[in-house]
Amino acid sequence: MSSKRLPLPMNFKTVAVPEVPHGRNGKHKQIVTQIISDLDQVREGMAIKVPLADLAESKEKVRSALNRATRKAGRVVVTASDSQFLYIWNEKAGK
């Protein structure tokens, strides 16, 4: 009897590494991109006002995604909210 073992069949398909997408487009990417774009254009001392009814996800999830994106970009952004809106503004660094 031979001591050679047959290879087990693969459970998943394979793909060449260069073909693998290396970016991550999370489910909050669109709203976070829109918010950051508006923050780039807003005057100092002004906040953007995002209606909570327009958010596909909860304000907490959007805040978390925005926090991750702005920290990664080295930005300081502040948020506040009431029952109808999420307010977001740029904070000067060093405050």
C-alpha atoms as a PDB file:
ATOM      1  CA  MET A   1       0.000   0.000   0.000  1.00  0.00           C
ATOM      2  CA  SER A   2       1.276   3.486  -0.857  1.00  0.00           C
ATOM      3  CA  SER A   3       1.727   6.086   1.857  1.00  0.00           C
ATOM      4  CA  LYS A   4       0.910   8.891  -0.598  1.00  0.00           C
ATOM      5  CA  ARG A   5      -2.256  10.749   0.267  1.00  0.00           C
ATOM      6  CA  LEU A   6      -4.478  12.255  -2.324  1.00  0.00           C
ATOM      7  CA  PRO A   7      -4.959  16.016  -1.946  1.00  0.00           C
ATOM      8  CA  LEU A   8      -8.268  17.012  -0.501  1.00  0.00           C
ATOM      9  CA  PRO A   9     -10.581  18.839  -2.873  1.00  0.00           C
ATOM     10  CA  MET A  10     -10.687  22.622  -2.491  1.00  0.00           C
ATOM     11  CA  ASN A  11     -13.723  24.096  -0.773  1.00  0.00           C
ATOM     12  CA  PHE A  12     -13.522  27.471  -2.492  1.00  0.00           C
ATOM     13  CA  LYS A  13     -12.475  28.857  -5.852  1.00  0.00           C
ATOM     14  CA  THR A  14      -9.138  30.624  -6.252  1.00  0.00           C
ATOM     15  CA  VAL A  15      -8.174  33.917  -7.867  1.00  0.00           C
ATOM     16  CA  ALA A  16      -4.813  35.534  -8.639  1.00  0.00           C
ATOM     17  CA  VAL A  17      -3.846  38.083  -5.994  1.00  0.00           C
ATOM     18  CA  PRO A  18      -3.489  40.985  -8.487  1.00  0.00           C
ATOM     19  CA  GLU A  19      -7.169  40.476  -9.355  1.00  0.00           C
ATOM     20  CA  VAL A  20      -8.304  40.857  -5.754  1.00  0.00           C
ATOM     21  CA  PRO A  21      -9.853  44.264  -4.973  1.00  0.00           C
ATOM     22  CA  HIS A  22      -7.770  45.931  -2.261  1.00  0.00           C
ATOM     23  CA  GLY A  23     -10.096  48.802  -1.424  1.00  0.00           C
ATOM     24  CA  ARG A  24     -13.051  48.600   0.878  1.00  0.00           C
ATOM     25  CA  ASN A  25     -16.323  50.217  -0.007  1.00  0.00           C
ATOM     26  CA  GLY A  26     -18.394  49.849   3.120  1.00  0.00           C
ATOM     27  CA  LYS A  27     -22.109  50.450   3.209  1.00  0.00           C
ATOM     28  CA  HIS A  28     -21.578  53.959   4.622  1.00  0.00           C
ATOM     29  CA  LYS A  29     -19.084  55.073   1.980  1.00  0.00           C
ATOM     30  CA  GLN A  30     -21.535  57.175  -0.033  1.00  0.00           C
ATOM     31  CA  ILE A  31     -22.909  59.228   2.883  1.00  0.00           C
ATOM     32  CA  VAL A  32     -19.459  59.634   4.464  1.00  0.00           C
ATOM     33  CA  THR A  33     -18.007  60.778   1.120  1.00  0.00           C
ATOM     34  CA  GLN A  34     -20.836  63.306   0.728  1.00  0.00           C
ATOM     35  CA  ILE A  35     -20.360  64.634   4.265  1.00  0.00           C
ATOM     36  CA  ILE A  36     -16.588  65.004   3.845  1.00  0.00           C
ATOM     37  CA  SER A  37     -17.104  66.760   0.507  1.00  0.00           C
ATOM     38  CA  ASP A  38     -19.459  69.254   2.158  1.00  0.00           C
ATOM     39  CA  LEU A  39     -17.063  69.726   5.084  1.00  0.00           C
ATOM     40  CA  ASP A  40     -14.362  70.649   2.563  1.00  0.00           C
ATOM     41  CA  GLN A  41     -16.593  73.457   1.295  1.00  0.00           C
ATOM     42  CA  VAL A  42     -18.251  74.803   4.451  1.00  0.00           C
ATOM     43  CA  ARG A  43     -17.021  78.071   5.935  1.00  0.00           C
ATOM     44  CA  GLU A  44     -15.345  78.121   9.313  1.00  0.00           C
ATOM     45  CA  GLY A  45     -17.867  78.377  12.117  1.00  0.00           C
ATOM     46  CA  MET A  46     -20.612  76.687  10.085  1.00  0.00           C
ATOM     47  CA  ALA A  47     -21.991  73.148  10.431  1.00  0.00           C
ATOM     48  CA  ILE A  48     -23.670  70.931   7.901  1.00  0.00           C
ATOM     49  CA  LYS A  49     -27.130  69.687   8.803  1.00  0.00           C
ATOM     50  CA  VAL A  50     -27.989  66.141   7.693  1.00  0.00           C
ATOM     51  CA  PRO A  51     -31.633  65.065   8.069  1.00  0.00           C
ATOM     52  CA  LEU A  52     -31.798  61.826  10.066  1.00  0.00           C
ATOM     53  CA  ALA A  53     -34.700  60.693   7.876  1.00  0.00           C
ATOM     54  CA  ASP A  54     -32.322  60.667   4.879  1.00  0.00           C
ATOM     55  CA  LEU A  55     -29.886  58.224   6.514  1.00  0.00           C
ATOM     56  CA  ALA A  56     -30.134  54.597   5.412  1.00  0.00           C
ATOM     57  CA  GLU A  57     -28.454  53.529   8.671  1.00  0.00           C
ATOM     58  CA  SER A  58     -28.707  54.817  12.229  1.00  0.00           C
ATOM     59  CA  LYS A  59     -26.963  58.064  13.130  1.00  0.00           C
ATOM     60  CA  GLU A  60     -24.683  56.085  15.460  1.00  0.00           C
ATOM     61  CA  LYS A  61     -23.448  53.916  12.592  1.00  0.00           C
ATOM     62  CA  VAL A  62     -22.941  56.923  10.331  1.00  0.00           C
ATOM     63  CA  ARG A  63     -21.081  58.741  13.118  1.00  0.00           C
ATOM     64  CA  SER A  64     -18.820  55.737  13.635  1.00  0.00           C
ATOM     65  CA  ALA A  65     -18.055  55.442   9.919  1.00  0.00           C
ATOM     66  CA  LEU A  66     -17.429  59.199   9.696  1.00  0.00           C
ATOM     67  CA  ASN A  67     -15.150  59.041  12.738  1.00  0.00           C
ATOM     68  CA  ARG A  68     -13.094  56.230  11.184  1.00  0.00           C
ATOM     69  CA  ALA A  69     -12.766  58.098   7.874  1.00  0.00           C
ATOM     70  CA  THR A  70     -11.850  61.462   9.395  1.00  0.00           C
ATOM     71  CA  ARG A  71      -9.311  59.992  11.817  1.00  0.00           C
ATOM     72  CA  LYS A  72      -7.695  58.117   8.948  1.00  0.00           C
ATOM     73  CA  ALA A  73      -7.486  61.409   7.018  1.00  0.00           C
ATOM     74  CA  GLY A  74      -6.110  63.259  10.066  1.00  0.00           C
ATOM     75  CA  ARG A  75      -9.138  65.531  10.309  1.00  0.00           C
ATOM     76  CA  VAL A  76     -10.855  66.782  13.428  1.00  0.00           C
ATOM     77  CA  VAL A  77     -14.628  66.754  13.023  1.00  0.00           C
ATOM     78  CA  VAL A  78     -17.304  67.305  15.654  1.00  0.00           C
ATOM     79  CA  THR A  79     -20.857  65.967  15.601  1.00  0.00           C
ATOM     80  CA  ALA A  80     -24.035  66.731  17.487  1.00  0.00           C
ATOM     81  CA  SER A  81     -27.634  65.739  16.935  1.00  0.00           C
ATOM     82  CA  ASP A  82     -31.201  66.386  17.910  1.00  0.00           C
ATOM     83  CA  SER A  83     -34.353  64.450  17.080  1.00  0.00           C
ATOM     84  CA  GLN A  84     -34.305  65.488  13.412  1.00  0.00           C
ATOM     85  CA  PHE A  85     -30.746  66.302  12.319  1.00  0.00           C
ATOM     86  CA  LEU A  86     -27.121  65.238  12.569  1.00  0.00           C
ATOM     87  CA  TYR A  87     -24.886  68.323  12.711  1.00  0.00           C
ATOM     88  CA  ILE A  88     -21.263  68.045  11.650  1.00  0.00           C
ATOM     89  CA  TRP A  89     -18.522  70.673  11.564  1.00  0.00           C
ATOM     90  CA  ASN A  90     -14.780  71.002  11.231  1.00  0.00           C
ATOM     91  CA  GLU A  91     -12.893  71.677  14.429  1.00  0.00           C
ATOM     92  CA  LYS A  92      -9.642  73.559  14.356  1.00  0.00           C
ATOM     93  CA  ALA A  93      -6.695  71.327  15.201  1.00  0.00           C
ATOM     94  CA  GLY A  94      -5.287  71.933  18.658  1.00  0.00           C
ATOM     95  CA  LYS A  95      -8.589  72.783  20.339  1.00  0.00           C
END
